[in-house]
Each structure stands twice: as structure tokens, then as C-alpha cells.
C-alpha atoms as a PDB file:
ATOM      1  CA  MET A   1      -0.968  49.546   1.054  1.00  0.00           C
ATOM      2  CA  MET A   2      -0.313  50.107   4.907  1.00  0.00           C
ATOM      3  CA  VAL A   3      -3.889  48.691   5.546  1.00  0.00           C
ATOM      4  CA  GLY A   4      -2.948  45.482   3.455  1.00  0.00           C
ATOM      5  CA  ILE A   5       0.136  44.855   5.670  1.00  0.00           C
ATOM      6  CA  PHE A   6      -1.803  45.202   8.829  1.00  0.00           C
ATOM      7  CA  ARG A   7      -4.452  42.901   7.518  1.00  0.00           C
ATOM      8  CA  ALA A   8      -1.974  40.430   6.623  1.00  0.00           C
ATOM      9  CA  LEU A   9      -0.464  40.611   9.890  1.00  0.00           C
ATOM     10  CA  ALA A  10      -3.631  40.060  11.601  1.00  0.00           C
ATOM     11  CA  VAL A  11      -4.591  37.063   9.461  1.00  0.00           C
ATOM     12  CA  LEU A  12      -1.352  35.553  10.368  1.00  0.00           C
ATOM     13  CA  ALA A  13      -1.864  36.348  14.191  1.00  0.00           C
ATOM     14  CA  VAL A  14      -5.267  34.777  14.053  1.00  0.00           C
ATOM     15  CA  MET A  15      -3.772  31.667  12.326  1.00  0.00           C
ATOM     16  CA  THR A  16      -0.963  31.380  14.782  1.00  0.00           C
ATOM     17  CA  ALA A  17      -3.516  31.488  17.525  1.00  0.00           C
ATOM     18  CA  LEU A  18      -5.781  28.921  16.041  1.00  0.00           C
ATOM     19  CA  ALA A  19      -2.981  26.596  15.290  1.00  0.00           C
ATOM     20  CA  GLY A  20      -2.382  26.293  19.057  1.00  0.00           C
ATOM     21  CA  CYS A  21      -5.877  24.822  19.324  1.00  0.00           C
ATOM     22  CA  ILE A  22      -5.236  21.672  17.340  1.00  0.00           C
ATOM     23  CA  ASP A  23      -5.566  18.578  19.686  1.00  0.00           C
ATOM     24  CA  HIS A  24      -2.594  16.338  19.346  1.00  0.00           C
ATOM     25  CA  ALA A  25      -3.556  14.133  22.335  1.00  0.00           C
ATOM     26  CA  ASN A  26      -4.390  11.060  20.362  1.00  0.00           C
ATOM     27  CA  ASP A  27      -1.503  11.254  17.920  1.00  0.00           C
ATOM     28  CA  PRO A  28       0.804   8.105  18.152  1.00  0.00           C
ATOM     29  CA  VAL A  29       4.506   8.268  19.190  1.00  0.00           C
ATOM     30  CA  LEU A  30       6.654   6.850  16.733  1.00  0.00           C
ATOM     31  CA  LEU A  31       9.468   4.463  18.112  1.00  0.00           C
ATOM     32  CA  ALA A  32      12.190   3.713  15.848  1.00  0.00           C
ATOM     33  CA  ILE A  33      12.977   0.229  15.438  1.00  0.00           C
ATOM     34  CA  GLY A  34      16.117  -0.607  13.153  1.00  0.00           C
ATOM     35  CA  VAL A  35      17.326   2.300  11.022  1.00  0.00           C
ATOM     36  CA  PRO A  36      14.240   4.284   9.758  1.00  0.00           C
ATOM     37  CA  VAL A  37      14.788   6.011   6.383  1.00  0.00           C
ATOM     38  CA  ASN A  38      12.407   9.141   6.928  1.00  0.00           C
ATOM     39  CA  PRO A  39      11.968  11.235  10.004  1.00  0.00           C
ATOM     40  CA  PRO A  40       8.912  10.668  12.116  1.00  0.00           C
ATOM     41  CA  ALA A  41       7.094  13.626  10.735  1.00  0.00           C
ATOM     42  CA  VAL A  42       7.576  12.571   7.122  1.00  0.00           C
ATOM     43  CA  ALA A  43       6.776   9.053   7.842  1.00  0.00           C
ATOM     44  CA  HIS A  44       3.499   9.973   9.731  1.00  0.00           C
ATOM     45  CA  SER A  45       2.350  12.155   7.017  1.00  0.00           C
ATOM     46  CA  LEU A  46       3.131   9.569   4.279  1.00  0.00           C
ATOM     47  CA  CYS A  47       1.317   6.903   6.231  1.00  0.00           C
ATOM     48  CA  MET A  48      -1.689   9.168   7.259  1.00  0.00           C
ATOM     49  CA  THR A  49      -2.151   9.645   3.374  1.00  0.00           C
ATOM     50  CA  ASP A  50      -2.181   5.937   2.906  1.00  0.00           C
ATOM     51  CA  GLY A  51      -4.537   5.409   5.674  1.00  0.00           C
ATOM     52  CA  ASN A  52      -6.934   8.054   4.403  1.00  0.00           C
ATOM     53  CA  ALA A  53      -6.852   6.509   1.010  1.00  0.00           C
ATOM     54  CA  MET A  54      -7.619   3.004   2.624  1.00  0.00           C
ATOM     55  CA  TYR A  55     -10.450   4.667   4.498  1.00  0.00           C
ATOM     56  CA  ARG A  56     -12.075   5.852   1.379  1.00  0.00           C
ATOM     57  CA  GLU A  57     -11.579   2.648  -0.487  1.00  0.00           C
ATOM     58  CA  ALA A  58     -13.061   0.554   2.343  1.00  0.00           C
ATOM     59  CA  ARG A  59     -16.062   2.651   2.685  1.00  0.00           C
ATOM     60  CA  ASN A  60     -16.597   2.601  -1.009  1.00  0.00           C
ATOM     61  CA  GLN A  61     -16.067  -1.098  -1.117  1.00  0.00           C
ATOM     62  CA  TYR A  62     -18.554  -1.664   1.828  1.00  0.00           C
ATOM     63  CA  HIS A  63     -21.257   0.168  -0.010  1.00  0.00           C
ATOM     64  CA  LEU A  64     -20.559  -1.521  -3.433  1.00  0.00           C
ATOM     65  CA  ARG A  65     -20.960  -4.860  -1.618  1.00  0.00           C
ATOM     66  CA  ALA A  66     -24.141  -3.712  -0.144  1.00  0.00           C
ATOM     67  CA  GLN A  67     -25.599  -2.758  -3.514  1.00  0.00           C
ATOM     68  CA  LEU A  68     -24.485  -6.096  -5.006  1.00  0.00           C
ATOM     69  CA  THR A  69     -26.087  -8.210  -2.348  1.00  0.00           C
ATOM     70  CA  GLY A  70     -29.214  -6.217  -2.288  1.00  0.00           C
ATOM     71  CA  TYR A  71     -28.625  -5.132   1.303  1.00  0.00           C
ATOM     72  CA  VAL A  72     -30.433  -1.746   0.833  1.00  0.00           C
ATOM     73  CA  ASP A  73     -30.290  -0.702   4.531  1.00  0.00           C
ATOM     74  CA  ALA A  74     -26.529  -0.620   4.723  1.00  0.00           C
ATOM     75  CA  ASP A  75     -25.342   0.053   8.282  1.00  0.00           C
ATOM     76  CA  GLU A  76     -23.386   3.175   8.380  1.00  0.00           C
ATOM     77  CA  LEU A  77     -21.947   2.281  11.850  1.00  0.00           C
ATOM     78  CA  GLU A  78     -20.591  -1.126  10.343  1.00  0.00           C
ATOM     79  CA  ALA A  79     -19.178   0.765   7.331  1.00  0.00           C
ATOM     80  CA  GLU A  80     -17.548   3.405   9.420  1.00  0.00           C
ATOM     81  CA  THR A  81     -16.038   0.601  11.745  1.00  0.00           C
ATOM     82  CA  THR A  82     -14.741  -1.374   8.893  1.00  0.00           C
ATOM     83  CA  ALA A  83     -13.330   1.615   7.061  1.00  0.00           C
ATOM     84  CA  ARG A  84     -11.487   2.851  10.423  1.00  0.00           C
ATOM     85  CA  ALA A  85     -10.147  -0.645  10.999  1.00  0.00           C
ATOM     86  CA  ALA A  86      -8.742  -0.894   7.381  1.00  0.00           C
ATOM     87  CA  ALA A  87      -7.279   2.645   7.637  1.00  0.00           C
ATOM     88  CA  HIS A  88      -5.827   1.733  10.879  1.00  0.00           C
ATOM     89  CA  ARG A  89      -4.222  -1.490   9.527  1.00  0.00           C
ATOM     90  CA  GLN A  90      -2.775   0.234   6.630  1.00  0.00           C
ATOM     91  CA  TYR A  91      -1.280   3.005   8.704  1.00  0.00           C
ATOM     92  CA  VAL A  92       0.430   0.646  10.978  1.00  0.00           C
ATOM     93  CA  ALA A  93       1.638  -1.567   7.983  1.00  0.00           C
ATOM     94  CA  CYS A  94       3.076   1.558   6.233  1.00  0.00           C
ATOM     95  CA  LEU A  95       4.936   2.707   9.493  1.00  0.00           C
ATOM     96  CA  SER A  96       6.476  -0.681  10.053  1.00  0.00           C
ATOM     97  CA  GLY A  97       7.403  -0.555   6.520  1.00  0.00           C
ATOM     98  CA  GLN A  98       9.194   2.852   7.181  1.00  0.00           C
ATOM     99  CA  GLY A  99      11.010   1.528  10.242  1.00  0.00           C
ATOM    100  CA  TYR A 100       8.670   2.632  13.218  1.00  0.00           C
ATOM    101  CA  ARG A 101       6.491   1.159  15.688  1.00  0.00           C
ATOM    102  CA  THR A 102       3.497   3.223  17.069  1.00  0.00           C
ATOM    103  CA  LEU A 103       2.794   3.716  20.700  1.00  0.00           C
ATOM    104  CA  TYR A 104      -0.490   5.268  21.621  1.00  0.00           C
ATOM    105  CA  ALA A 105      -0.270   7.015  25.036  1.00  0.00           C
ATOM    106  CA  TYR A 106      -3.925   7.781  26.283  1.00  0.00           C
END
């Protein structure tokens, strides 16, 4: 029983140490415009989910269009670029609907 407690504490310590390694340098700063309904963390997570769904859908649609047109050698770079652009547009549109504007500080 005592070993289980120490093992759980060790796992918790490792998880805490690794959580500090996550890079948040490219995360946007959310500026409130008007009166936002949700706090920034909630709006960011909701809109990231929408953006991820749009990314998957855009990649899927690109490959379906490539199959329909007979373009066998579908360009992966173009598929990635198209999907990322669609995901970004969805993310920004979702955030503006939540009452925020994104500011990317590089």
C-alpha cells in the first residue's frame, strides 16, 4: 500500500515537471471586444475544437476532390496548407463569435 502511494506521488511529480515543458509561445492572446460570454480559456478550448474539426474535414475534402478529379498524386503540402488555412479561419471566426479578437505576438 505504501509503495502504491509513493508510486502515485512519483507519477504526479513527473507529470508536473513535464507540464512545464509545454511550449505556449505561439498561443494567441485573446483581446475582449464588447462583452464576451465565456472566459478566454473556455473560448480558446471551444474554438480549438472547432478548428481541429475543420482541419480534419478540409484534409478529407481535399483528398476526396483529388480522387474525383483523378489527380492521383495529391500534393501533401497543398493539402496541409489548405487544411491549416481552413482551421485558422474557423478558429478566428469562432473567437469573434465569442467576443474576442486574437493577437499573435511572435
